[in-house]
Amino acid sequence: MRIAFVIMGRTPGLKQARNRLSRTTNREFATDFYNHSLNATRDLVLEVTKNNSDIELVWAVEEKEGLRSDYWKGHRTIYQGDGGLGDRLDKVYKSLLKEYDAVFLMQPNSAQLPAEIFEYDTLNFLTSDYDFLLGKTDKGDFYLFGGSSKIPLNAWIDVSYYCESTYSELNSSIARFGKVLEITESFGVLEKKDLDSYKEIPTDGMLESQEKLHELVTQTKFKDRFADLVRL
């Protein structure tokens, strides 16, 4: 059995993050947070592959010009393609399912997941009779998809992404084509206010890269944007 574990990633060092976290903190921190999250997500997957040689890490790279980056060195890369997230998920999943018995697609938005829980959910799906796997964040998004059956393009593109209804929409969409295994819910960071809760996550058993991500959050102090505002 051959399994592709795909991480959907942006190339570190190519451009700064521009998202809700960068708007509520700053671009430098948001970029550092993303890069550390990418490292920790990679190590979560590699932790699973240590005892499961059938599982292969594959990077799905957002930028075509980033495909030759040294960051991906040692692992297979595939270009995500053009279009919205639904189009890109469809392209990556469809192309790899031709070569592998099962394909996982993961976003680097739940890098703090305990390694043992992450491995359990992954292997539990692979030994079950479910067709698909889906992991939810507490913000309503999804962080992990897994599948061994075909899904048509419209099932991906009819979903609203990056919002609180993403998981429920995607779940309903793919459930038309097979049984869906719902796995452990994860904590997500979208903006500055989420960082306070992130600081409270227990660090026992964390991988080294997860600890570095946690340290980045706990040790970074933000200047009040309005501290120097002159009151008239």
Protein backbone atom coordinates (compact mmCIF):
# COMPACT_ATOMS: atom_id res chain seq x y z
CA MET A 1 0.00 0.00 0.00
CA ARG A 2 1.35 3.43 -0.97
CA ILE A 3 0.14 6.56 0.80
CA ALA A 4 0.93 10.17 -0.09
CA PHE A 5 0.81 12.62 2.79
CA VAL A 6 0.64 16.04 1.16
CA ILE A 7 1.31 19.33 2.91
CA MET A 8 -0.12 22.34 1.06
CA GLY A 9 2.56 24.98 1.54
CA ARG A 10 3.90 28.38 0.54
CA THR A 11 7.64 28.63 -0.08
CA PRO A 12 9.48 30.11 2.95
CA GLY A 13 11.46 33.23 2.06
CA LEU A 14 9.57 33.93 -1.15
CA LYS A 15 7.04 36.40 0.21
CA GLN A 16 5.63 37.66 3.49
CA ALA A 17 2.34 36.48 4.91
CA ARG A 18 -0.72 38.56 4.14
CA ASN A 19 -3.67 37.33 6.17
CA ARG A 20 -5.79 38.12 9.22
CA LEU A 21 -2.90 37.35 11.54
CA SER A 22 -0.59 39.77 9.71
CA ARG A 23 -3.27 42.48 9.85
CA THR A 24 -3.83 42.06 13.59
CA THR A 25 -0.13 41.66 14.51
CA ASN A 26 2.39 42.46 11.77
CA ARG A 27 3.70 40.80 8.62
CA GLU A 28 7.03 39.82 10.15
CA PHE A 29 5.42 37.89 13.01
CA ALA A 30 2.76 36.32 10.77
CA THR A 31 5.47 35.16 8.37
CA ASP A 32 7.55 33.70 11.21
CA PHE A 33 4.46 32.01 12.62
CA TYR A 34 3.66 30.46 9.24
CA ASN A 35 7.22 29.23 8.67
CA HIS A 36 7.42 27.69 12.15
CA SER A 37 4.00 26.09 11.59
CA LEU A 38 5.22 24.64 8.31
CA ASN A 39 8.25 23.14 10.05
CA ALA A 40 6.12 21.62 12.81
CA THR A 41 3.57 20.23 10.35
CA ARG A 42 6.38 18.62 8.36
CA ASP A 43 7.79 17.03 11.50
CA LEU A 44 4.36 15.70 12.50
CA VAL A 45 4.12 13.91 9.17
CA LEU A 46 7.71 12.66 9.34
CA GLU A 47 7.02 11.31 12.83
CA VAL A 48 4.27 9.14 11.33
CA THR A 49 6.52 7.94 8.49
CA LYS A 50 9.20 6.70 10.93
CA ASN A 51 7.22 3.57 11.75
CA ASN A 52 5.15 3.48 8.58
CA SER A 53 7.37 3.22 5.52
CA ASP A 54 4.35 3.08 3.16
CA ILE A 55 3.63 6.75 3.90
CA GLU A 56 5.52 9.34 1.82
CA LEU A 57 5.71 13.09 2.48
CA VAL A 58 4.85 15.17 -0.58
CA TRP A 59 4.98 18.97 -0.74
CA ALA A 60 2.28 20.70 -2.79
CA VAL A 61 3.88 24.08 -3.48
CA GLU A 62 1.75 27.17 -4.04
CA GLU A 63 4.25 29.06 -6.22
CA LYS A 64 5.69 27.58 -9.39
CA GLU A 65 8.90 29.56 -8.86
CA GLY A 66 9.25 27.99 -5.41
CA LEU A 67 9.42 24.38 -6.60
CA ARG A 68 13.24 24.41 -6.68
CA SER A 69 13.64 25.81 -3.18
CA ASP A 70 16.10 23.96 -0.95
CA TYR A 71 13.41 23.89 1.73
CA TRP A 72 11.67 20.97 0.00
CA LYS A 73 14.94 19.09 -0.54
CA GLY A 74 14.75 15.34 -0.04
CA HIS A 75 11.03 15.08 -0.69
CA ARG A 76 8.78 15.02 -3.73
CA THR A 77 7.20 18.29 -4.81
CA ILE A 78 4.13 18.99 -6.92
CA TYR A 79 2.78 22.35 -8.11
CA GLN A 80 -0.66 23.19 -6.71
CA GLY A 81 -1.76 24.81 -9.95
CA ASP A 82 -3.94 27.84 -10.59
CA GLY A 83 -7.35 28.84 -9.32
CA GLY A 84 -8.95 28.90 -5.89
CA LEU A 85 -8.25 26.45 -3.08
CA GLY A 86 -10.95 24.07 -4.31
CA ASP A 87 -9.39 23.90 -7.77
CA ARG A 88 -5.94 23.27 -6.29
CA LEU A 89 -7.11 20.60 -3.86
CA ASP A 90 -8.84 18.84 -6.73
CA LYS A 91 -5.75 18.97 -8.94
CA VAL A 92 -3.37 17.64 -6.30
CA TYR A 93 -5.72 14.93 -5.01
CA LYS A 94 -6.76 13.73 -8.46
CA SER A 95 -3.21 13.54 -9.83
CA LEU A 96 -1.73 11.71 -6.83
CA LEU A 97 -4.64 9.28 -6.42
CA LYS A 98 -3.57 7.81 -9.77
CA GLU A 99 -0.27 6.73 -8.16
CA TYR A 100 -1.16 6.11 -4.52
CA ASP A 101 -3.76 4.00 -2.74
CA ALA A 102 -4.66 6.87 -0.41
CA VAL A 103 -3.87 10.59 -0.32
CA PHE A 104 -3.88 13.00 2.64
CA LEU A 105 -4.04 16.76 2.13
CA MET A 106 -2.98 18.87 5.11
CA GLN A 107 -2.84 22.60 5.72
CA PRO A 108 -0.22 23.97 8.15
CA ASN A 109 -2.90 25.45 10.40
CA SER A 110 -2.85 22.88 13.23
CA ALA A 111 0.86 22.40 13.83
CA GLN A 112 0.43 22.04 17.60
CA LEU A 113 -1.44 18.71 17.37
CA PRO A 114 0.00 16.04 19.68
CA ALA A 115 2.05 13.63 17.55
CA GLU A 116 0.52 10.49 19.07
CA ILE A 117 -3.06 11.68 18.40
CA PHE A 118 -2.14 12.74 14.88
CA GLU A 119 -0.59 9.33 14.16
CA TYR A 120 -3.53 7.48 15.70
CA ASP A 121 -6.09 9.35 13.57
CA THR A 122 -4.04 8.75 10.43
CA LEU A 123 -3.50 5.02 10.94
CA ASN A 124 -7.04 4.47 12.22
CA PHE A 125 -8.40 5.77 8.93
CA LEU A 126 -6.04 3.64 6.84
CA THR A 127 -7.20 0.46 8.59
CA SER A 128 -10.90 1.37 8.50
CA ASP A 129 -13.61 0.97 5.89
CA TYR A 130 -14.15 4.73 5.57
CA ASP A 131 -13.62 6.40 2.20
CA PHE A 132 -12.62 9.82 3.51
CA LEU A 133 -11.21 11.49 6.60
CA LEU A 134 -11.77 15.08 7.70
CA GLY A 135 -10.30 17.09 10.56
CA LYS A 136 -11.95 20.29 11.83
CA THR A 137 -10.49 23.38 13.49
CA ASP A 138 -12.39 25.17 16.24
CA LYS A 139 -12.83 28.09 13.82
CA GLY A 140 -14.92 25.96 11.45
CA ASP A 141 -12.17 25.43 8.88
CA PHE A 142 -10.54 22.08 8.06
CA TYR A 143 -6.91 21.13 8.62
CA LEU A 144 -6.72 17.59 7.23
CA PHE A 145 -8.42 15.62 4.49
CA GLY A 146 -7.72 12.01 3.57
CA GLY A 147 -9.22 9.85 0.88
CA SER A 148 -8.96 6.69 -1.16
CA SER A 149 -11.91 7.25 -3.49
CA LYS A 150 -12.49 9.60 -6.40
CA ILE A 151 -14.17 12.98 -5.92
CA PRO A 152 -15.44 15.18 -8.79
CA LEU A 153 -14.25 18.76 -9.20
CA ASN A 154 -17.57 20.30 -8.22
CA ALA A 155 -17.39 18.67 -4.77
CA TRP A 156 -14.29 20.78 -4.07
CA ILE A 157 -15.19 24.06 -5.73
CA ASP A 158 -18.75 24.29 -4.37
CA VAL A 159 -17.28 24.85 -0.88
CA SER A 160 -16.67 28.26 0.76
CA TYR A 161 -13.11 28.21 2.08
CA TYR A 162 -11.38 30.13 4.88
CA CYS A 163 -14.58 30.64 6.86
CA GLU A 164 -16.51 29.11 9.76
CA SER A 165 -18.68 26.98 7.47
CA THR A 166 -15.83 25.40 5.48
CA TYR A 167 -15.71 22.12 7.39
CA SER A 168 -19.46 21.50 7.38
CA GLU A 169 -19.73 22.38 3.69
CA LEU A 170 -16.81 20.17 2.69
CA ASN A 171 -18.05 17.32 4.87
CA SER A 172 -21.51 17.43 3.28
CA SER A 173 -20.01 17.74 -0.19
CA ILE A 174 -17.71 14.72 -0.05
CA ALA A 175 -20.17 12.60 1.96
CA ARG A 176 -22.15 12.18 -1.27
CA PHE A 177 -19.32 9.99 -2.57
CA GLY A 178 -18.43 7.86 0.46
CA LYS A 179 -18.29 7.52 4.23
CA VAL A 180 -16.45 10.28 6.12
CA LEU A 181 -14.43 9.64 9.29
CA GLU A 182 -14.47 12.76 11.49
CA ILE A 183 -11.29 13.02 13.57
CA THR A 184 -9.90 15.07 16.46
CA GLU A 185 -10.80 18.76 16.41
CA SER A 186 -7.83 21.14 16.45
CA PHE A 187 -7.22 24.67 17.68
CA GLY A 188 -6.63 27.25 14.96
CA VAL A 189 -4.94 30.66 14.96
CA LEU A 190 -6.51 33.24 12.67
CA GLU A 191 -5.74 36.52 14.41
CA LYS A 192 -3.98 38.10 17.37
CA LYS A 193 -6.66 37.32 19.97
CA ASP A 194 -6.21 33.57 19.32
CA LEU A 195 -2.58 33.72 20.48
CA ASP A 196 -3.56 34.01 24.17
CA SER A 197 -5.31 30.64 24.00
CA TYR A 198 -2.39 29.20 22.05
CA LYS A 199 -0.03 30.09 24.89
CA GLU A 200 -2.04 27.84 27.23
CA ILE A 201 -1.51 24.70 25.14
CA PRO A 202 0.45 22.10 27.19
CA THR A 203 4.00 21.65 25.91
CA ASP A 204 4.56 18.16 27.35
CA GLY A 205 5.41 15.73 24.56
CA MET A 206 5.80 18.41 21.92
CA LEU A 207 8.23 17.87 19.06
CA GLU A 208 11.19 20.26 18.99
CA SER A 209 9.74 22.28 16.11
CA GLN A 210 6.42 22.54 17.95
CA GLU A 211 8.24 23.87 21.01
CA LYS A 212 9.93 26.52 18.85
CA LEU A 213 6.56 27.58 17.50
CA HIS A 214 5.18 27.79 21.02
CA GLU A 215 8.20 29.85 22.12
CA LEU A 216 7.68 32.26 19.24
CA VAL A 217 4.13 32.89 20.43
CA THR A 218 4.94 33.20 24.13
CA GLN A 219 8.05 35.36 23.74
CA THR A 220 6.85 37.84 21.13
CA LYS A 221 5.62 41.18 22.49
CA PHE A 222 3.55 43.44 20.28
CA LYS A 223 3.72 47.20 20.38
CA ASP A 224 0.38 48.93 20.75
CA ARG A 225 -0.32 50.40 17.33
CA PHE A 226 -2.08 53.33 18.94
CA ALA A 227 0.41 53.97 21.75
CA ASP A 228 1.85 57.01 19.99
CA LEU A 229 -1.47 58.41 18.88
CA VAL A 230 -1.80 62.06 19.82
CA ARG A 231 -5.13 62.81 21.42
CA LEU A 232 -6.57 66.17 20.33
